[in-house]
N, C-alpha and C. Protein backbone atom coordinates (compact mmCIF):
# COMPACT_ATOMS: atom_id res chain seq x y z
N MET A 1 39.18 -4.09 -4.64
CA MET A 1 38.32 -4.18 -6.13
C MET A 1 39.14 -3.57 -7.38
N THR A 2 39.24 -4.53 -8.23
CA THR A 2 39.54 -3.68 -9.64
C THR A 2 38.18 -3.40 -10.35
N VAL A 3 38.59 -3.01 -11.43
CA VAL A 3 37.50 -2.37 -12.32
C VAL A 3 36.96 -3.50 -13.26
N CYS A 4 37.89 -4.44 -13.22
CA CYS A 4 37.45 -5.60 -13.95
C CYS A 4 36.00 -6.30 -13.02
N CYS A 5 36.40 -6.35 -11.76
CA CYS A 5 35.78 -7.34 -10.69
C CYS A 5 34.58 -6.30 -10.62
N CYS A 6 34.49 -4.87 -10.74
CA CYS A 6 33.23 -3.84 -10.36
C CYS A 6 32.16 -4.00 -11.78
N ALA A 7 32.67 -4.38 -12.96
CA ALA A 7 32.14 -4.34 -14.20
C ALA A 7 31.21 -5.90 -14.29
N GLN A 8 31.81 -6.95 -13.72
CA GLN A 8 31.26 -8.50 -13.66
C GLN A 8 30.11 -8.46 -12.35
N LEU A 9 29.82 -7.34 -11.27
CA LEU A 9 28.89 -7.17 -10.63
C LEU A 9 27.63 -6.32 -11.10
N ILE A 10 28.10 -5.67 -12.15
CA ILE A 10 27.10 -4.93 -12.70
C ILE A 10 25.41 -5.52 -13.09
N PRO A 11 25.59 -6.66 -13.71
CA PRO A 11 24.20 -7.58 -14.16
C PRO A 11 23.61 -8.12 -12.77
N PHE A 12 24.71 -8.17 -11.65
CA PHE A 12 23.74 -8.47 -10.33
C PHE A 12 22.91 -7.10 -9.85
N ALA A 13 23.60 -6.16 -9.70
CA ALA A 13 22.83 -4.77 -9.54
C ALA A 13 21.57 -4.59 -10.35
N GLU A 14 21.25 -5.30 -11.52
CA GLU A 14 20.17 -4.89 -12.14
C GLU A 14 19.09 -6.03 -11.58
N ASP A 15 19.40 -6.74 -11.14
CA ASP A 15 18.31 -7.96 -11.09
C ASP A 15 17.82 -7.70 -9.69
N PRO A 16 16.17 -8.02 -10.23
CA PRO A 16 14.97 -7.57 -9.75
C PRO A 16 14.74 -8.00 -8.14
N TRP A 17 15.67 -9.00 -7.85
CA TRP A 17 15.67 -10.20 -6.56
C TRP A 17 16.41 -8.26 -5.38
N LEU A 18 17.50 -7.84 -6.14
CA LEU A 18 18.06 -6.73 -5.34
C LEU A 18 17.17 -5.41 -5.37
N ARG A 19 16.63 -5.20 -6.27
CA ARG A 19 15.78 -3.97 -6.13
C ARG A 19 14.74 -4.36 -5.78
N SER A 20 14.17 -5.15 -5.28
CA SER A 20 12.87 -5.27 -4.16
C SER A 20 13.41 -5.57 -2.56
N SER A 21 12.20 -5.31 -2.13
CA SER A 21 12.74 -5.36 -0.23
C SER A 21 11.90 -6.95 0.23
N LEU A 22 11.66 -7.46 -0.87
CA LEU A 22 10.98 -9.02 -0.42
C LEU A 22 11.91 -9.94 0.32
N TRP A 23 12.95 -9.87 0.40
CA TRP A 23 13.85 -10.77 0.95
C TRP A 23 13.99 -9.96 2.33
N LEU A 24 14.02 -9.13 2.48
CA LEU A 24 14.04 -7.81 3.59
C LEU A 24 12.67 -8.16 4.67
N GLN A 25 11.71 -8.77 4.16
CA GLN A 25 10.26 -8.26 4.58
C GLN A 25 9.92 -9.98 5.19
N PHE A 26 10.62 -10.72 4.49
CA PHE A 26 10.26 -12.10 5.06
C PHE A 26 10.80 -13.24 5.12
N LYS A 27 10.74 -14.40 5.68
CA LYS A 27 11.82 -15.05 5.90
C LYS A 27 12.04 -16.07 4.31
N PRO A 28 13.57 -16.92 4.43
CA PRO A 28 12.96 -17.49 3.24
C PRO A 28 12.29 -18.48 2.93
N HIS A 29 12.05 -19.27 4.06
CA HIS A 29 10.60 -20.24 3.57
C HIS A 29 9.39 -19.88 3.33
N HIS A 30 9.19 -18.43 3.78
CA HIS A 30 7.83 -18.17 3.27
C HIS A 30 8.14 -17.41 1.97
N ILE A 31 9.11 -16.76 1.45
CA ILE A 31 9.47 -16.77 -0.18
C ILE A 31 9.39 -18.13 -0.91
N ALA A 32 9.67 -19.22 -0.38
CA ALA A 32 9.75 -20.39 -1.02
C ALA A 32 8.08 -20.85 -0.91
N ALA A 33 7.58 -20.51 0.02
CA ALA A 33 6.03 -20.85 -0.06
C ALA A 33 5.03 -20.29 -1.19
N GLY A 34 5.38 -18.90 -1.08
CA GLY A 34 4.81 -17.94 -2.40
C GLY A 34 5.20 -18.69 -3.42
N ALA A 35 6.66 -18.90 -4.00
CA ALA A 35 6.99 -19.03 -4.91
C ALA A 35 6.55 -20.89 -5.50
N ALA A 36 6.53 -21.64 -4.52
CA ALA A 36 5.94 -22.98 -4.73
C ALA A 36 4.21 -22.72 -5.26
N TYR A 37 3.39 -22.19 -4.48
CA TYR A 37 2.38 -21.39 -5.05
C TYR A 37 2.27 -21.04 -6.69
N LEU A 38 2.86 -20.38 -7.02
CA LEU A 38 3.10 -19.70 -8.27
C LEU A 38 3.14 -20.87 -9.09
N VAL A 39 4.23 -21.61 -9.12
CA VAL A 39 4.60 -22.72 -9.75
C VAL A 39 3.24 -23.35 -9.80
N ALA A 40 2.79 -24.23 -8.76
CA ALA A 40 1.75 -24.88 -9.13
C ALA A 40 0.68 -24.01 -10.04
N LYS A 41 0.28 -22.87 -9.75
CA LYS A 41 -0.53 -22.52 -10.34
C LYS A 41 -0.28 -22.13 -11.88
N ILE A 42 1.22 -21.99 -12.37
CA ILE A 42 1.39 -21.99 -13.48
C ILE A 42 1.31 -23.80 -13.98
N PHE A 43 1.71 -24.64 -13.71
CA PHE A 43 1.14 -25.74 -14.03
C PHE A 43 0.23 -26.80 -13.37
N ASN A 44 -1.04 -25.68 -13.11
CA ASN A 44 -2.33 -26.17 -12.99
C ASN A 44 -2.31 -27.46 -11.91
N PHE A 45 -1.76 -26.92 -11.08
CA PHE A 45 -1.33 -28.09 -10.12
C PHE A 45 -2.73 -27.94 -8.70
N ASP A 46 -3.32 -29.21 -8.14
CA ASP A 46 -4.26 -28.68 -7.39
C ASP A 46 -4.05 -28.73 -6.08
N LEU A 47 -3.77 -27.69 -5.15
CA LEU A 47 -3.29 -27.58 -4.02
C LEU A 47 -4.44 -27.87 -3.16
N VAL A 48 -5.55 -27.70 -3.49
CA VAL A 48 -6.99 -28.23 -2.39
C VAL A 48 -6.55 -29.37 -1.63
N THR A 49 -6.09 -30.40 -2.22
CA THR A 49 -6.25 -31.38 -2.01
C THR A 49 -4.50 -31.95 -1.04
N HIS A 50 -3.52 -31.12 -1.23
CA HIS A 50 -2.75 -31.08 -0.44
C HIS A 50 -2.60 -29.77 0.37
N HIS A 51 -3.34 -29.39 1.73
CA HIS A 51 -3.70 -27.95 2.26
C HIS A 51 -2.96 -28.09 2.93
N GLY A 52 -2.18 -29.65 3.90
CA GLY A 52 -0.83 -29.39 4.84
C GLY A 52 0.12 -28.92 4.21
N MET A 53 0.36 -28.93 3.01
CA MET A 53 1.61 -28.34 2.26
C MET A 53 2.02 -27.23 3.27
N TRP A 54 1.02 -26.37 3.31
CA TRP A 54 1.53 -24.60 3.76
C TRP A 54 2.46 -24.95 5.33
N GLN A 55 1.86 -25.87 5.59
CA GLN A 55 2.45 -26.55 7.38
C GLN A 55 3.58 -26.38 7.46
N GLU A 56 4.20 -27.37 6.09
CA GLU A 56 5.53 -27.86 5.84
C GLU A 56 6.40 -26.38 5.71
N PHE A 57 6.01 -25.88 5.31
CA PHE A 57 6.70 -24.14 4.56
C PHE A 57 6.69 -23.45 6.09
N GLN A 58 6.01 -23.77 7.39
CA GLN A 58 5.74 -22.86 8.17
C GLN A 58 5.38 -21.71 8.23
N THR A 59 4.13 -21.37 7.56
CA THR A 59 3.87 -20.32 6.90
C THR A 59 2.12 -20.28 6.95
N THR A 60 1.50 -19.02 6.87
CA THR A 60 -0.02 -18.56 7.17
C THR A 60 -0.45 -18.43 5.53
N PRO A 61 -1.48 -18.64 5.09
CA PRO A 61 -2.19 -18.10 3.85
C PRO A 61 -2.11 -16.46 3.81
N SER A 62 -2.25 -15.83 5.23
CA SER A 62 -2.04 -14.23 4.70
C SER A 62 -0.29 -13.86 4.49
N ILE A 63 0.45 -14.67 5.03
CA ILE A 63 1.90 -14.25 4.34
C ILE A 63 2.10 -14.91 3.08
N TRP A 64 1.70 -16.14 2.71
CA TRP A 64 1.89 -16.61 1.54
C TRP A 64 1.62 -15.75 0.29
N GLN A 65 0.14 -15.58 0.63
CA GLN A 65 -0.58 -14.60 -0.39
C GLN A 65 0.05 -13.45 -0.73
N ASP A 66 0.55 -12.97 0.35
CA ASP A 66 1.50 -11.43 0.85
C ASP A 66 2.62 -11.58 -0.38
N VAL A 67 3.36 -12.76 -0.47
CA VAL A 67 4.45 -13.12 -0.92
C VAL A 67 3.99 -13.11 -2.53
N VAL A 68 3.12 -14.04 -2.62
CA VAL A 68 2.90 -14.30 -4.19
C VAL A 68 2.28 -12.53 -4.86
N LYS A 69 1.61 -11.65 -3.81
CA LYS A 69 0.97 -10.38 -4.68
C LYS A 69 2.39 -9.71 -5.07
N GLN A 70 3.06 -9.69 -4.26
CA GLN A 70 4.45 -9.02 -4.26
C GLN A 70 5.49 -9.66 -5.48
N LEU A 71 5.45 -10.90 -5.75
CA LEU A 71 6.23 -11.75 -6.87
C LEU A 71 5.51 -11.16 -7.92
N THR A 72 4.44 -11.35 -7.97
CA THR A 72 3.51 -11.16 -9.24
C THR A 72 3.74 -9.52 -9.70
N GLU A 73 3.98 -8.63 -8.81
CA GLU A 73 4.29 -7.38 -9.11
C GLU A 73 5.85 -7.49 -9.71
N LEU A 74 6.30 -8.02 -8.82
CA LEU A 74 8.00 -7.69 -9.45
C LEU A 74 8.47 -8.42 -10.33
N PHE A 75 7.73 -9.02 -10.98
CA PHE A 75 7.84 -10.18 -12.15
C PHE A 75 6.66 -9.94 -13.04
């Protein structure tokens, strides 16, 4: 690997996702569920009427709540 290529990788090494172990702790669809919850919260989308949505992500409330907690701590 040349010096030029290494220099291009430096911004990726500073990425919060890479400093976190979130991607090691949870499956991708669990992280997606947590992210979907946060987006819904930001845009004031009522998730009460869409309670079956979590089944689509194949996750439980305890898992996506843990993901949300860690995402909010990370960012």
